[in-house]
């Protein structure tokens, strides 16, 4: 488990035209979550799942991703059901999406 804290953006933004957009389906979800990050340019992306206290509970990726649609699948294994945030930091800008996990 991680003890790192992450900023929780009170106004969750999942679309910033000059950076890209972040989507997650289905939401609410149980089992697996399909994440799509559409980037306006290739960039290093630090994507993580954060609980409501701001703790990073899982890192999805911390890699360079290509321009356009990048699809990832996330299958939570040891999390309680509840509210989480999907955060993607791209070039110092945070895209975030609220998630509801149902076990």
C-alpha atoms as a PDB file:
ATOM      1  CA  UNK A   1       0.000   0.000   0.000  1.00  0.00           C
ATOM      2  CA  UNK A   2       1.097   3.546  -0.690  1.00  0.00           C
ATOM      3  CA  UNK A   3       1.402   6.353   1.833  1.00  0.00           C
ATOM      4  CA  UNK A   4       1.969   9.021  -0.777  1.00  0.00           C
ATOM      5  CA  UNK A   5      -0.544  11.855  -0.845  1.00  0.00           C
ATOM      6  CA  UNK A   6      -1.972  13.339  -4.017  1.00  0.00           C
ATOM      7  CA  UNK A   7      -3.799  16.577  -4.579  1.00  0.00           C
ATOM      8  CA  UNK A   8      -7.531  16.131  -4.807  1.00  0.00           C
ATOM      9  CA  UNK A   9      -8.855  18.706  -7.189  1.00  0.00           C
ATOM     10  CA  UNK A  10     -12.136  19.960  -5.743  1.00  0.00           C
ATOM     11  CA  UNK A  11     -13.355  20.867  -9.218  1.00  0.00           C
ATOM     12  CA  UNK A  12     -12.743  17.600 -11.054  1.00  0.00           C
ATOM     13  CA  UNK A  13     -11.652  18.356 -14.626  1.00  0.00           C
ATOM     14  CA  UNK A  14     -11.532  15.544 -17.155  1.00  0.00           C
ATOM     15  CA  UNK A  15     -11.168  17.673 -20.295  1.00  0.00           C
ATOM     16  CA  UNK A  16      -8.632  20.436 -20.893  1.00  0.00           C
ATOM     17  CA  UNK A  17      -8.629  21.257 -24.624  1.00  0.00           C
ATOM     18  CA  UNK A  18      -4.893  22.023 -24.950  1.00  0.00           C
ATOM     19  CA  UNK A  19      -3.893  18.846 -23.032  1.00  0.00           C
ATOM     20  CA  UNK A  20      -6.536  16.196 -23.754  1.00  0.00           C
ATOM     21  CA  UNK A  21      -9.395  14.320 -22.147  1.00  0.00           C
ATOM     22  CA  UNK A  22      -9.792  11.466 -19.688  1.00  0.00           C
ATOM     23  CA  UNK A  23     -12.708   9.032 -19.591  1.00  0.00           C
ATOM     24  CA  UNK A  24     -13.535   5.877 -17.651  1.00  0.00           C
ATOM     25  CA  UNK A  25     -16.218   3.304 -18.455  1.00  0.00           C
ATOM     26  CA  UNK A  26     -18.335   1.917 -16.914  1.00  0.00           C
ATOM     27  CA  UNK A  27     -18.753   4.206 -13.932  1.00  0.00           C
ATOM     28  CA  UNK A  28     -19.900   3.051 -11.382  1.00  0.00           C
ATOM     29  CA  UNK A  29     -17.982  -0.181 -11.996  1.00  0.00           C
ATOM     30  CA  UNK A  30     -17.254  -3.612 -10.570  1.00  0.00           C
ATOM     31  CA  UNK A  31     -14.516  -5.833 -11.947  1.00  0.00           C
ATOM     32  CA  UNK A  32     -12.595  -3.852 -14.531  1.00  0.00           C
ATOM     33  CA  UNK A  33     -12.502  -0.244 -15.644  1.00  0.00           C
ATOM     34  CA  UNK A  34     -11.661   0.839 -19.201  1.00  0.00           C
ATOM     35  CA  UNK A  35      -9.681   4.085 -19.156  1.00  0.00           C
ATOM     36  CA  UNK A  36      -9.217   6.228 -22.264  1.00  0.00           C
ATOM     37  CA  UNK A  37      -6.785   9.119 -22.286  1.00  0.00           C
ATOM     38  CA  UNK A  38      -6.875  11.204 -25.461  1.00  0.00           C
ATOM     39  CA  UNK A  39      -3.692  13.284 -25.660  1.00  0.00           C
ATOM     40  CA  UNK A  40      -3.180  16.317 -27.895  1.00  0.00           C
ATOM     41  CA  UNK A  41       0.564  15.528 -27.970  1.00  0.00           C
ATOM     42  CA  UNK A  42       2.814  12.688 -26.811  1.00  0.00           C
ATOM     43  CA  UNK A  43       3.700  13.152 -23.142  1.00  0.00           C
ATOM     44  CA  UNK A  44       4.839  11.436 -19.958  1.00  0.00           C
ATOM     45  CA  UNK A  45       1.739  10.549 -17.957  1.00  0.00           C
ATOM     46  CA  UNK A  46       1.613   9.771 -14.253  1.00  0.00           C
ATOM     47  CA  UNK A  47      -1.789   8.120 -13.776  1.00  0.00           C
ATOM     48  CA  UNK A  48      -2.965   6.903 -10.382  1.00  0.00           C
ATOM     49  CA  UNK A  49      -5.986   5.921  -8.327  1.00  0.00           C
ATOM     50  CA  UNK A  50      -6.475   8.107  -5.253  1.00  0.00           C
ATOM     51  CA  UNK A  51      -8.813   7.551  -2.301  1.00  0.00           C
ATOM     52  CA  UNK A  52     -10.990  10.304  -0.821  1.00  0.00           C
ATOM     53  CA  UNK A  53      -8.290  11.091   1.769  1.00  0.00           C
ATOM     54  CA  UNK A  54      -5.771  11.844  -0.995  1.00  0.00           C
ATOM     55  CA  UNK A  55      -3.761   8.637  -0.601  1.00  0.00           C
ATOM     56  CA  UNK A  56      -2.463   7.087  -3.815  1.00  0.00           C
ATOM     57  CA  UNK A  57      -3.715   3.489  -3.666  1.00  0.00           C
ATOM     58  CA  UNK A  58      -2.455   2.318  -7.061  1.00  0.00           C
ATOM     59  CA  UNK A  59      -0.287   3.634  -9.878  1.00  0.00           C
ATOM     60  CA  UNK A  60      -1.758   2.815 -13.291  1.00  0.00           C
ATOM     61  CA  UNK A  61       1.132   4.111 -15.398  1.00  0.00           C
ATOM     62  CA  UNK A  62       4.096   6.453 -15.220  1.00  0.00           C
ATOM     63  CA  UNK A  63       5.221   6.273 -18.833  1.00  0.00           C
ATOM     64  CA  UNK A  64       5.380   8.217 -22.060  1.00  0.00           C
ATOM     65  CA  UNK A  65       2.125   7.816 -24.008  1.00  0.00           C
ATOM     66  CA  UNK A  66       1.398   8.591 -27.650  1.00  0.00           C
ATOM     67  CA  UNK A  67      -0.694  11.342 -29.176  1.00  0.00           C
ATOM     68  CA  UNK A  68      -4.349  10.334 -29.630  1.00  0.00           C
ATOM     69  CA  UNK A  69      -6.310   7.659 -27.777  1.00  0.00           C
ATOM     70  CA  UNK A  70      -4.483   5.556 -25.189  1.00  0.00           C
ATOM     71  CA  UNK A  71      -6.587   2.765 -23.688  1.00  0.00           C
ATOM     72  CA  UNK A  72      -5.780   1.069 -20.395  1.00  0.00           C
ATOM     73  CA  UNK A  73      -7.631  -1.530 -18.330  1.00  0.00           C
ATOM     74  CA  UNK A  74      -7.575  -1.387 -14.537  1.00  0.00           C
ATOM     75  CA  UNK A  75      -8.732  -4.269 -12.335  1.00  0.00           C
ATOM     76  CA  UNK A  76      -8.728  -3.338  -8.638  1.00  0.00           C
ATOM     77  CA  UNK A  77      -7.776  -6.255  -6.426  1.00  0.00           C
ATOM     78  CA  UNK A  78      -7.569  -5.152  -2.806  1.00  0.00           C
ATOM     79  CA  UNK A  79      -9.745  -2.066  -2.553  1.00  0.00           C
ATOM     80  CA  UNK A  80     -12.932  -1.515  -0.603  1.00  0.00           C
ATOM     81  CA  UNK A  81     -15.940  -0.323  -2.518  1.00  0.00           C
ATOM     82  CA  UNK A  82     -16.442   3.429  -2.505  1.00  0.00           C
ATOM     83  CA  UNK A  83     -15.421   6.697  -4.129  1.00  0.00           C
ATOM     84  CA  UNK A  84     -11.995   7.129  -5.723  1.00  0.00           C
ATOM     85  CA  UNK A  85     -10.381   9.535  -8.160  1.00  0.00           C
ATOM     86  CA  UNK A  86      -8.555   8.659 -11.357  1.00  0.00           C
ATOM     87  CA  UNK A  87      -5.785  11.262 -11.669  1.00  0.00           C
ATOM     88  CA  UNK A  88      -3.604  11.774 -14.724  1.00  0.00           C
ATOM     89  CA  UNK A  89      -0.794  14.308 -14.427  1.00  0.00           C
ATOM     90  CA  UNK A  90       0.415  15.457 -17.835  1.00  0.00           C
ATOM     91  CA  UNK A  91       3.137  18.118 -18.147  1.00  0.00           C
ATOM     92  CA  UNK A  92       2.223  19.536 -14.724  1.00  0.00           C
ATOM     93  CA  UNK A  93      -1.521  19.627 -15.460  1.00  0.00           C
ATOM     94  CA  UNK A  94      -3.963  17.372 -13.636  1.00  0.00           C
ATOM     95  CA  UNK A  95      -6.889  15.646 -15.336  1.00  0.00           C
ATOM     96  CA  UNK A  96      -9.154  13.920 -12.845  1.00  0.00           C
ATOM     97  CA  UNK A  97     -12.275  11.783 -12.913  1.00  0.00           C
ATOM     98  CA  UNK A  98     -14.407  10.661  -9.986  1.00  0.00           C
ATOM     99  CA  UNK A  99     -14.970   6.886  -9.821  1.00  0.00           C
ATOM    100  CA  UNK A 100     -17.437   4.736  -7.887  1.00  0.00           C
ATOM    101  CA  UNK A 101     -16.193   1.195  -7.234  1.00  0.00           C
ATOM    102  CA  UNK A 102     -18.790  -1.460  -6.411  1.00  0.00           C
ATOM    103  CA  UNK A 103     -17.386  -4.788  -5.260  1.00  0.00           C
END
